[in-house]
């Protein structure tokens, strides 16, 4: 029998309403970048405003209902191998923890197991780093079986390096699926073999789920529907835009990672065509590599999409840095963010600007290269949505050819093939033959022309 620590949410503190409890202090231990440092040229976080980064970290904590009692920026000149922060700053934070009766400290950085352990000993409280916090959020939000499996896999891969025998306090022992649990088990669990076995079973289950998703995708391709995927920084307004475009009711809230599991809905295009619109998990700076790998299957909709809509909160003070973060994750997935023919930028939340600022944005957008257009919209009010839909339809049509053909009504195999491999726009029976207008991908155009004597459609 597997240890209780491997059970989902074991010993996680909850209030009667099911929400997390406890007072939290959020610390932003941001490395001071000097002019000319190579890291300052390549790290998107280096150009972010420290206050904005801290505010995002507080938002992550609130996303799982933690009560943020205090937050501070701790500028770091040099990362200390033992505690990340300098000795003086560690001692200073002890007073804050005592004064606020803090139960959890959130460090907005990636801590090594040793750093995490030493800080917990120094502060006599639990410590959670940025990776652990994001994993905790994903663990709470995953609703589908696939999402739950992928989150648990990411959790366990993260924990494996932290299951060490050096914990002397059961109160601080962290095993299993959650990181914010109360008192530990009656004995310290540090058996990595059990974790490894569980990881292997999860990987096998995820492979089965991936196979099912491939079947579903193949079914959509036979219809065939084109796929449009939404990507963007978390809280950029993707779900609100998704609801606006599809008239769906996907949860949309002013909260980081408000939605996690991917959602597919039918998208009606201006001239009667249809596509499938996919809403995906939001990206974030320093997204844990465990999640990029674990959610690759979920993000396969993005990999297979005909068009990718990069939704940006253009009103955010760090909009440019957020764009670089999203581009970085797309590159990790093997997608070139500069592929203008496939990616359309959507500048969302323009309703937050006054008329003068809005006109300035339109001028900036108009000066962009033709192959890198952007569309100004307000998912909240609907402004700009018609132009965006027209652009999506135009991009989808550019890669497809519309053909006219006539086929004998008794040719069931041929009619069936057309329905599986083309989009049948019209179909009329006339003297024992079906006169059809179909739309096909460029890869199948020659097959349709040669097999059915099809000719280009004349509008």
Protein backbone atom coordinates (compact mmCIF):
# COMPACT_ATOMS: atom_id res chain seq x y z
CA UNK A 1 0.00 0.00 0.00
CA UNK A 2 1.36 3.41 -0.90
CA UNK A 3 2.10 5.98 1.82
CA UNK A 4 -0.56 8.58 2.59
CA UNK A 5 1.87 11.26 1.45
CA UNK A 6 1.24 10.22 -2.14
CA UNK A 7 -2.46 10.84 -1.82
CA UNK A 8 -3.75 13.98 -3.37
CA UNK A 9 -4.00 16.80 -0.86
CA UNK A 10 -2.98 14.72 2.17
CA UNK A 11 -2.94 16.80 5.39
CA UNK A 12 -3.49 20.09 3.57
CA UNK A 13 -4.87 22.71 5.99
CA UNK A 14 -8.38 23.80 5.05
CA UNK A 15 -11.06 25.90 6.58
CA UNK A 16 -14.59 24.61 6.96
CA UNK A 17 -15.41 26.05 3.54
CA UNK A 18 -12.63 24.06 1.88
CA UNK A 19 -10.25 26.99 1.41
CA UNK A 20 -6.64 27.17 2.52
CA UNK A 21 -5.97 28.91 5.82
CA UNK A 22 -2.94 30.58 7.33
CA UNK A 23 -1.16 33.94 7.30
CA UNK A 24 1.54 34.34 4.68
CA UNK A 25 4.42 36.71 4.04
CA UNK A 26 5.62 37.04 0.43
CA UNK A 27 9.28 37.88 -0.14
CA UNK A 28 10.73 39.01 -3.45
CA UNK A 29 14.45 38.12 -3.32
CA UNK A 30 15.38 39.79 -6.60
CA UNK A 31 18.92 39.77 -7.83
CA UNK A 32 20.32 43.26 -8.44
CA UNK A 33 21.36 43.52 -12.08
CA UNK A 34 24.21 45.83 -12.95
CA UNK A 35 24.38 47.58 -16.28
CA UNK A 36 26.22 45.42 -18.77
CA UNK A 37 25.57 42.11 -16.99
CA UNK A 38 24.89 39.36 -19.55
CA UNK A 39 21.89 38.18 -17.50
CA UNK A 40 20.31 41.61 -17.79
CA UNK A 41 20.34 41.27 -21.55
CA UNK A 42 18.69 37.84 -21.71
CA UNK A 43 16.57 37.40 -18.57
CA UNK A 44 13.07 38.81 -19.03
CA UNK A 45 12.73 39.11 -15.26
CA UNK A 46 15.74 41.42 -15.20
CA UNK A 47 13.80 44.12 -17.03
CA UNK A 48 10.66 43.74 -14.94
CA UNK A 49 9.73 46.26 -12.31
CA UNK A 50 10.40 44.75 -8.88
CA UNK A 51 7.08 46.02 -7.50
CA UNK A 52 5.21 44.42 -10.40
CA UNK A 53 7.02 41.12 -9.82
CA UNK A 54 6.13 41.21 -6.12
CA UNK A 55 2.51 42.04 -6.93
CA UNK A 56 2.38 39.02 -9.24
CA UNK A 57 3.79 36.81 -6.48
CA UNK A 58 1.11 38.09 -4.10
CA UNK A 59 -1.49 37.30 -6.76
CA UNK A 60 -0.18 33.74 -6.99
CA UNK A 61 -0.55 33.35 -3.21
CA UNK A 62 -4.07 34.75 -3.26
CA UNK A 63 -4.96 32.39 -6.13
CA UNK A 64 -5.11 29.58 -3.57
CA UNK A 65 -6.85 31.69 -0.94
CA UNK A 66 -3.79 32.43 1.18
CA UNK A 67 -4.02 35.49 3.41
CA UNK A 68 -1.06 37.75 2.58
CA UNK A 69 -0.16 39.54 5.82
CA UNK A 70 2.91 41.33 4.45
CA UNK A 71 5.15 41.48 1.39
CA UNK A 72 8.61 42.91 0.87
CA UNK A 73 11.38 43.15 -1.68
CA UNK A 74 14.75 41.78 -0.53
CA UNK A 75 17.36 42.91 -3.06
CA UNK A 76 20.10 40.30 -3.41
CA UNK A 77 23.62 41.24 -4.51
CA UNK A 78 24.80 37.63 -4.51
CA UNK A 79 22.85 34.41 -4.08
CA UNK A 80 23.98 32.57 -0.92
CA UNK A 81 24.27 28.78 -1.44
CA UNK A 82 22.97 28.05 2.06
CA UNK A 83 20.02 30.42 2.44
CA UNK A 84 19.73 32.40 -0.84
CA UNK A 85 19.47 35.59 1.24
CA UNK A 86 22.25 37.15 3.30
CA UNK A 87 22.49 36.44 7.02
CA UNK A 88 21.33 39.93 8.02
CA UNK A 89 18.22 39.78 5.85
CA UNK A 90 17.35 36.31 7.19
CA UNK A 91 17.52 37.63 10.75
CA UNK A 92 15.49 40.72 9.86
CA UNK A 93 12.67 38.57 8.47
CA UNK A 94 12.53 36.57 11.73
CA UNK A 95 11.05 39.64 13.42
CA UNK A 96 8.41 40.04 10.72
CA UNK A 97 7.43 36.38 10.98
CA UNK A 98 7.05 36.63 14.75
CA UNK A 99 5.19 39.94 14.65
CA UNK A 100 2.63 38.80 12.08
CA UNK A 101 2.31 35.23 13.43
CA UNK A 102 3.25 33.91 9.99
CA UNK A 103 2.56 30.27 9.16
CA UNK A 104 4.07 30.20 5.67
CA UNK A 105 6.75 32.19 3.84
CA UNK A 106 6.54 32.38 0.05
CA UNK A 107 9.87 33.07 -1.67
CA UNK A 108 9.40 34.39 -5.22
CA UNK A 109 12.38 32.46 -6.56
CA UNK A 110 13.52 28.87 -7.10
CA UNK A 111 15.10 27.45 -3.94
CA UNK A 112 17.34 24.42 -3.72
CA UNK A 113 16.31 21.76 -1.17
CA UNK A 114 19.17 22.86 1.12
CA UNK A 115 18.18 26.53 0.94
CA UNK A 116 14.59 25.63 1.67
CA UNK A 117 15.54 23.50 4.64
CA UNK A 118 17.89 26.11 6.12
CA UNK A 119 15.34 28.90 5.81
CA UNK A 120 12.70 26.76 7.50
CA UNK A 121 15.08 26.10 10.38
CA UNK A 122 16.05 29.79 10.67
CA UNK A 123 12.46 31.05 10.54
CA UNK A 124 10.79 28.09 12.29
CA UNK A 125 8.01 28.03 9.70
CA UNK A 126 7.22 26.43 6.39
CA UNK A 127 8.80 27.91 3.26
CA UNK A 128 7.43 27.59 -0.27
CA UNK A 129 9.34 28.72 -3.36
CA UNK A 130 7.85 29.98 -6.64
CA UNK A 131 7.93 26.57 -8.30
CA UNK A 132 6.16 24.91 -5.39
CA UNK A 133 3.54 27.66 -5.26
CA UNK A 134 2.69 27.39 -8.96
CA UNK A 135 2.52 23.60 -8.68
CA UNK A 136 0.18 24.01 -5.70
CA UNK A 137 -2.10 26.28 -7.75
CA UNK A 138 -2.15 23.82 -10.63
CA UNK A 139 -2.94 21.00 -8.21
CA UNK A 140 -5.98 22.90 -6.96
CA UNK A 141 -7.24 23.92 -10.40
CA UNK A 142 -6.87 20.73 -12.45
CA UNK A 143 -10.35 19.32 -13.01
CA UNK A 144 -10.01 16.79 -15.82
CA UNK A 145 -8.33 13.43 -15.37
CA UNK A 146 -5.56 14.41 -17.75
CA UNK A 147 -4.89 17.65 -15.91
CA UNK A 148 -4.83 15.88 -12.54
CA UNK A 149 -2.38 13.26 -13.83
CA UNK A 150 -0.06 15.84 -15.34
CA UNK A 151 -0.07 18.01 -12.22
CA UNK A 152 0.62 15.05 -9.96
CA UNK A 153 3.50 13.98 -12.19
CA UNK A 154 5.00 17.48 -12.02
CA UNK A 155 4.51 17.53 -8.24
CA UNK A 156 6.31 14.23 -7.73
CA UNK A 157 9.21 15.08 -10.01
CA UNK A 158 9.65 18.29 -8.01
CA UNK A 159 9.38 16.54 -4.66
CA UNK A 160 11.75 13.70 -5.46
CA UNK A 161 14.77 15.93 -4.86
CA UNK A 162 13.26 17.16 -1.60
CA UNK A 163 12.56 13.82 0.07
CA UNK A 164 15.69 13.80 2.21
CA UNK A 165 16.33 12.17 5.58
CA UNK A 166 17.76 15.34 7.11
CA UNK A 167 14.37 16.60 8.32
CA UNK A 168 14.36 16.40 12.11
CA UNK A 169 10.98 18.04 12.68
CA UNK A 170 7.95 16.04 11.64
CA UNK A 171 6.16 19.40 11.66
CA UNK A 172 8.28 20.52 8.69
CA UNK A 173 8.45 17.21 6.86
CA UNK A 174 7.06 17.62 3.37
CA UNK A 175 6.09 14.47 1.57
CA UNK A 176 3.45 13.63 -0.95
CA UNK A 177 1.21 15.63 -3.19
CA UNK A 178 0.76 18.90 -1.29
CA UNK A 179 3.39 21.27 0.03
CA UNK A 180 1.40 23.17 2.62
CA UNK A 181 0.37 20.29 4.84
CA UNK A 182 0.17 20.39 8.62
CA UNK A 183 1.98 17.90 10.89
CA UNK A 184 3.81 15.19 9.03
CA UNK A 185 3.24 11.45 9.13
CA UNK A 186 4.09 9.41 12.20
CA UNK A 187 7.40 8.50 10.53
CA UNK A 188 9.55 10.37 8.05
CA UNK A 189 8.88 9.19 4.49
CA UNK A 190 11.95 9.47 2.30
CA UNK A 191 11.69 6.39 0.13
CA UNK A 192 12.38 7.64 -3.39
CA UNK A 193 11.67 4.25 -4.87
CA UNK A 194 7.98 4.62 -4.02
CA UNK A 195 7.94 8.03 -5.67
CA UNK A 196 9.70 6.58 -8.71
CA UNK A 197 7.15 3.76 -9.00
CA UNK A 198 4.28 6.23 -8.80
CA UNK A 199 5.89 8.44 -11.45
CA UNK A 200 6.24 5.45 -13.78
CA UNK A 201 2.54 4.57 -13.38
CA UNK A 202 1.52 8.17 -13.98
CA UNK A 203 3.60 8.33 -17.15
CA UNK A 204 1.90 5.17 -18.42
CA UNK A 205 -1.56 6.60 -17.67
CA UNK A 206 -0.71 9.88 -19.38
CA UNK A 207 0.37 7.97 -22.50
CA UNK A 208 -3.09 6.38 -22.62
CA UNK A 209 -4.74 9.79 -22.25
CA UNK A 210 -2.52 11.16 -25.02
CA UNK A 211 -3.61 8.33 -27.29
CA UNK A 212 -7.26 9.18 -26.61
CA UNK A 213 -6.59 12.86 -27.39
CA UNK A 214 -4.95 11.85 -30.67
CA UNK A 215 -8.09 9.90 -31.62
CA UNK A 216 -10.26 12.93 -30.83
CA UNK A 217 -7.96 15.16 -32.84
CA UNK A 218 -8.02 12.73 -35.77
CA UNK A 219 -11.82 12.81 -35.63
CA UNK A 220 -11.83 16.59 -35.85
CA UNK A 221 -9.40 16.47 -38.75
CA UNK A 222 -11.74 14.14 -40.65
CA UNK A 223 -14.63 16.59 -40.34
CA UNK A 224 -12.39 18.62 -40.87
CA UNK A 225 -12.40 21.65 -38.60
CA UNK A 226 -9.52 24.07 -38.43
CA UNK A 227 -8.14 24.76 -34.96
CA UNK A 228 -7.52 28.22 -33.52
CA UNK A 229 -5.66 28.24 -30.19
CA UNK A 230 -5.49 31.01 -27.59
CA UNK A 231 -2.21 31.50 -25.77
CA UNK A 232 -0.98 34.29 -23.54
CA UNK A 233 0.23 35.35 -20.15
CA UNK A 234 -2.00 34.34 -17.29
CA UNK A 235 -4.77 36.86 -16.62
CA UNK A 236 -4.40 38.41 -20.09
CA UNK A 237 -8.12 37.86 -20.70
CA UNK A 238 -8.01 34.65 -22.78
CA UNK A 239 -11.06 33.06 -21.16
CA UNK A 240 -13.10 36.27 -21.46
CA UNK A 241 -12.15 36.47 -25.14
CA UNK A 242 -12.96 32.75 -25.52
CA UNK A 243 -16.44 33.37 -24.09
CA UNK A 244 -16.94 36.40 -26.31
CA UNK A 245 -15.97 34.53 -29.50
CA UNK A 246 -17.86 31.30 -28.78
CA UNK A 247 -20.67 32.47 -26.45
CA UNK A 248 -19.43 29.93 -23.94
CA UNK A 249 -19.37 30.21 -20.16
CA UNK A 250 -15.79 29.24 -19.30
CA UNK A 251 -14.72 30.61 -15.92
CA UNK A 252 -13.16 34.03 -16.37
CA UNK A 253 -11.92 35.89 -13.30
CA UNK A 254 -9.39 38.56 -12.36
CA UNK A 255 -7.13 35.88 -10.95
CA UNK A 256 -3.89 34.19 -11.97
CA UNK A 257 -4.52 30.74 -13.49
CA UNK A 258 -8.31 31.11 -13.21
CA UNK A 259 -8.63 28.29 -15.74
CA UNK A 260 -6.26 25.39 -16.22
CA UNK A 261 -7.75 22.55 -18.23
CA UNK A 262 -7.99 23.11 -22.00
CA UNK A 263 -11.43 23.81 -23.46
CA UNK A 264 -12.63 23.40 -27.06
CA UNK A 265 -15.69 25.10 -28.52
CA UNK A 266 -17.06 25.71 -32.00
CA UNK A 267 -16.20 29.11 -33.48
CA UNK A 268 -18.59 30.54 -36.07
CA UNK A 269 -16.86 32.61 -38.75
CA UNK A 270 -18.46 35.66 -40.43
CA UNK A 271 -19.41 33.90 -43.69
CA UNK A 272 -20.81 30.73 -42.20
CA UNK A 273 -17.64 28.67 -41.82
CA UNK A 274 -16.64 26.99 -38.58
CA UNK A 275 -13.43 26.37 -36.67
CA UNK A 276 -12.54 24.93 -33.27
CA UNK A 277 -11.32 27.43 -30.68
CA UNK A 278 -9.07 26.12 -27.91
CA UNK A 279 -8.49 27.94 -24.61
CA UNK A 280 -5.24 26.83 -22.94
CA UNK A 281 -3.50 27.37 -19.63
CA UNK A 282 -1.94 30.78 -19.15
CA UNK A 283 1.82 31.16 -19.19
CA UNK A 284 3.88 32.98 -16.58
CA UNK A 285 7.46 34.09 -16.07
CA UNK A 286 9.76 31.40 -14.72
CA UNK A 287 7.18 28.72 -15.47
CA UNK A 288 8.54 25.55 -13.82
CA UNK A 289 10.19 23.28 -16.36
CA UNK A 290 8.32 20.36 -14.80
CA UNK A 291 5.06 21.92 -15.95
CA UNK A 292 6.26 22.77 -19.44
CA UNK A 293 7.16 19.10 -19.89
CA UNK A 294 4.15 17.65 -18.08
CA UNK A 295 1.63 19.83 -19.90
CA UNK A 296 3.07 19.25 -23.32
CA UNK A 297 0.16 16.89 -24.07
CA UNK A 298 -2.36 19.54 -23.01
CA UNK A 299 -0.60 22.09 -25.20
CA UNK A 300 -0.67 19.77 -28.21
CA UNK A 301 -3.72 21.75 -29.32
CA UNK A 302 -1.37 24.71 -29.69
CA UNK A 303 1.19 22.64 -31.57
CA UNK A 304 -1.46 21.40 -34.02
CA UNK A 305 -3.34 24.71 -34.35
CA UNK A 306 -3.71 26.34 -37.75
CA UNK A 307 -3.74 29.78 -36.13
CA UNK A 308 -2.41 30.85 -32.73
CA UNK A 309 -3.89 33.95 -31.13
CA UNK A 310 -1.36 35.48 -28.73
CA UNK A 311 -3.58 37.41 -26.34
CA UNK A 312 -1.81 40.26 -24.53
CA UNK A 313 -3.02 42.49 -21.74
CA UNK A 314 -1.82 45.65 -23.45
CA UNK A 315 -2.81 47.73 -20.42
CA UNK A 316 -0.37 45.93 -18.11
CA UNK A 317 2.76 47.84 -17.15
CA UNK A 318 4.90 44.78 -17.93
CA UNK A 319 3.18 43.93 -21.24
CA UNK A 320 6.46 43.78 -23.17
CA UNK A 321 8.15 41.51 -20.62
CA UNK A 322 5.07 39.28 -20.56
CA UNK A 323 5.27 38.97 -24.33
CA UNK A 324 8.88 37.78 -24.06
CA UNK A 325 7.87 35.21 -21.44
CA UNK A 326 5.14 33.79 -23.68
CA UNK A 327 7.52 33.73 -26.65
CA UNK A 328 10.04 31.80 -24.54
CA UNK A 329 7.49 29.11 -23.65
CA UNK A 330 6.38 28.85 -27.29
CA UNK A 331 10.01 28.25 -28.28
CA UNK A 332 10.24 25.50 -25.66
CA UNK A 333 7.24 23.89 -27.35
CA UNK A 334 8.96 24.11 -30.74
CA UNK A 335 6.85 27.01 -32.07
CA UNK A 336 8.53 30.00 -33.69
CA UNK A 337 6.84 33.10 -32.19
CA UNK A 338 8.04 35.11 -35.20
CA UNK A 339 6.04 32.94 -37.61
CA UNK A 340 3.72 35.78 -38.58
CA UNK A 341 1.57 33.75 -40.97
CA UNK A 342 0.44 31.49 -38.15
CA UNK A 343 0.44 33.78 -35.10
CA UNK A 344 -1.84 36.78 -34.67
CA UNK A 345 -1.28 39.18 -31.78
CA UNK A 346 -4.40 40.31 -29.96
CA UNK A 347 -3.99 43.44 -27.84
CA UNK A 348 -6.72 43.01 -25.26
CA UNK A 349 -8.26 45.34 -22.66
CA UNK A 350 -8.15 48.49 -24.77
CA UNK A 351 -11.29 49.62 -22.94
CA UNK A 352 -8.97 50.60 -20.08
CA UNK A 353 -7.44 53.41 -22.18
CA UNK A 354 -8.82 56.88 -22.79
CA UNK A 355 -9.64 57.85 -26.42
CA UNK A 356 -6.27 59.57 -26.96
CA UNK A 357 -4.23 56.62 -25.71
CA UNK A 358 -6.39 54.24 -27.71
CA UNK A 359 -5.76 56.19 -30.89
CA UNK A 360 -2.04 56.10 -30.17
CA UNK A 361 -2.21 52.31 -29.88
CA UNK A 362 -4.01 52.10 -33.23
CA UNK A 363 -1.24 54.15 -34.83
CA UNK A 364 1.40 51.82 -33.38
CA UNK A 365 -0.51 48.79 -34.66
CA UNK A 366 -0.89 50.33 -38.12
CA UNK A 367 2.89 50.74 -38.43
CA UNK A 368 3.59 47.07 -37.84
CA UNK A 369 4.79 44.94 -40.80
CA UNK A 370 1.96 43.35 -42.85
CA UNK A 371 3.15 39.86 -41.90
CA UNK A 372 3.02 40.70 -38.16
CA UNK A 373 -0.39 42.32 -37.67
CA UNK A 374 -2.03 42.91 -34.32
CA UNK A 375 -5.66 43.49 -33.46
CA UNK A 376 -6.94 45.82 -30.77
CA UNK A 377 -9.90 44.34 -28.93
CA UNK A 378 -11.82 44.48 -25.70
CA UNK A 379 -13.06 41.03 -24.78
CA UNK A 380 -15.14 42.72 -22.08
CA UNK A 381 -17.07 45.11 -24.36
CA UNK A 382 -16.72 43.35 -27.73
CA UNK A 383 -14.84 46.19 -29.42
CA UNK A 384 -12.68 44.96 -32.31
CA UNK A 385 -14.07 41.41 -32.27
CA UNK A 386 -15.56 41.61 -35.79
CA UNK A 387 -12.20 42.63 -37.29
CA UNK A 388 -10.46 39.81 -35.45
CA UNK A 389 -12.97 37.21 -36.70
CA UNK A 390 -12.59 38.49 -40.26
CA UNK A 391 -8.81 38.17 -40.02
CA UNK A 392 -9.10 34.61 -38.67
CA UNK A 393 -11.41 33.65 -41.52
CA UNK A 394 -9.08 35.24 -44.08
CA UNK A 395 -6.03 33.43 -42.69
CA UNK A 396 -7.80 30.08 -42.67
CA UNK A 397 -9.10 30.54 -46.21
CA UNK A 398 -5.65 31.53 -47.52
CA UNK A 399 -4.36 27.99 -47.05
CA UNK A 400 -7.42 26.28 -48.55
CA UNK A 401 -8.88 25.95 -52.00
CA UNK A 402 -12.59 25.95 -52.91
CA UNK A 403 -13.53 23.53 -55.70
CA UNK A 404 -16.68 22.54 -57.61
CA UNK A 405 -17.31 18.94 -58.67
CA UNK A 406 -20.01 16.53 -59.72
CA UNK A 407 -20.12 12.95 -58.45
CA UNK A 408 -22.43 10.02 -59.18
CA UNK A 409 -24.87 9.51 -56.31
CA UNK A 410 -24.03 5.79 -56.30
CA UNK A 411 -20.35 6.48 -55.56
CA UNK A 412 -20.70 6.07 -51.81
CA UNK A 413 -16.99 5.56 -51.26
CA UNK A 414 -16.13 8.79 -53.07
CA UNK A 415 -18.79 10.81 -51.25
CA UNK A 416 -17.62 9.38 -47.93
CA UNK A 417 -13.99 10.27 -48.74
CA UNK A 418 -14.97 13.85 -49.51
CA UNK A 419 -16.81 14.23 -46.21
CA UNK A 420 -13.80 12.85 -44.32
CA UNK A 421 -11.12 14.85 -46.09
CA UNK A 422 -12.79 18.08 -47.17
CA UNK A 423 -15.22 20.66 -45.90
CA UNK A 424 -18.42 20.21 -47.88
CA UNK A 425 -19.91 23.67 -48.39
CA UNK A 426 -22.88 22.77 -50.63
CA UNK A 427 -24.35 19.48 -51.85
CA UNK A 428 -27.31 19.24 -54.25
CA UNK A 429 -28.78 16.17 -55.97
CA UNK A 430 -29.43 16.72 -59.69
CA UNK A 431 -30.35 13.91 -62.13
CA UNK A 432 -28.64 11.18 -60.14
CA UNK A 433 -25.48 13.18 -59.40
CA UNK A 434 -24.40 15.31 -56.47
CA UNK A 435 -23.15 18.78 -57.42
CA UNK A 436 -20.80 19.72 -54.59
CA UNK A 437 -18.68 22.67 -53.54
CA UNK A 438 -15.87 21.66 -51.20
CA UNK A 439 -12.98 23.39 -49.48
CA UNK A 440 -9.73 21.44 -49.12
CA UNK A 441 -6.21 21.92 -47.81
CA UNK A 442 -3.47 22.59 -50.31
CA UNK A 443 -2.05 19.13 -49.56
CA UNK A 444 -5.23 17.43 -50.85
CA UNK A 445 -6.13 19.77 -53.69
CA UNK A 446 -4.48 17.68 -56.42
CA UNK A 447 -6.13 14.49 -55.16
CA UNK A 448 -9.61 16.04 -55.40
CA UNK A 449 -8.89 17.58 -58.80
CA UNK A 450 -7.56 14.33 -60.28
CA UNK A 451 -10.05 11.92 -58.71
CA UNK A 452 -13.25 13.95 -59.12
CA UNK A 453 -12.42 16.26 -62.03
CA UNK A 454 -12.92 19.21 -59.74
CA UNK A 455 -12.51 22.77 -60.99
CA UNK A 456 -11.85 26.02 -59.07
CA UNK A 457 -15.01 27.50 -57.62
CA UNK A 458 -16.21 30.76 -59.13
CA UNK A 459 -18.02 32.95 -56.61
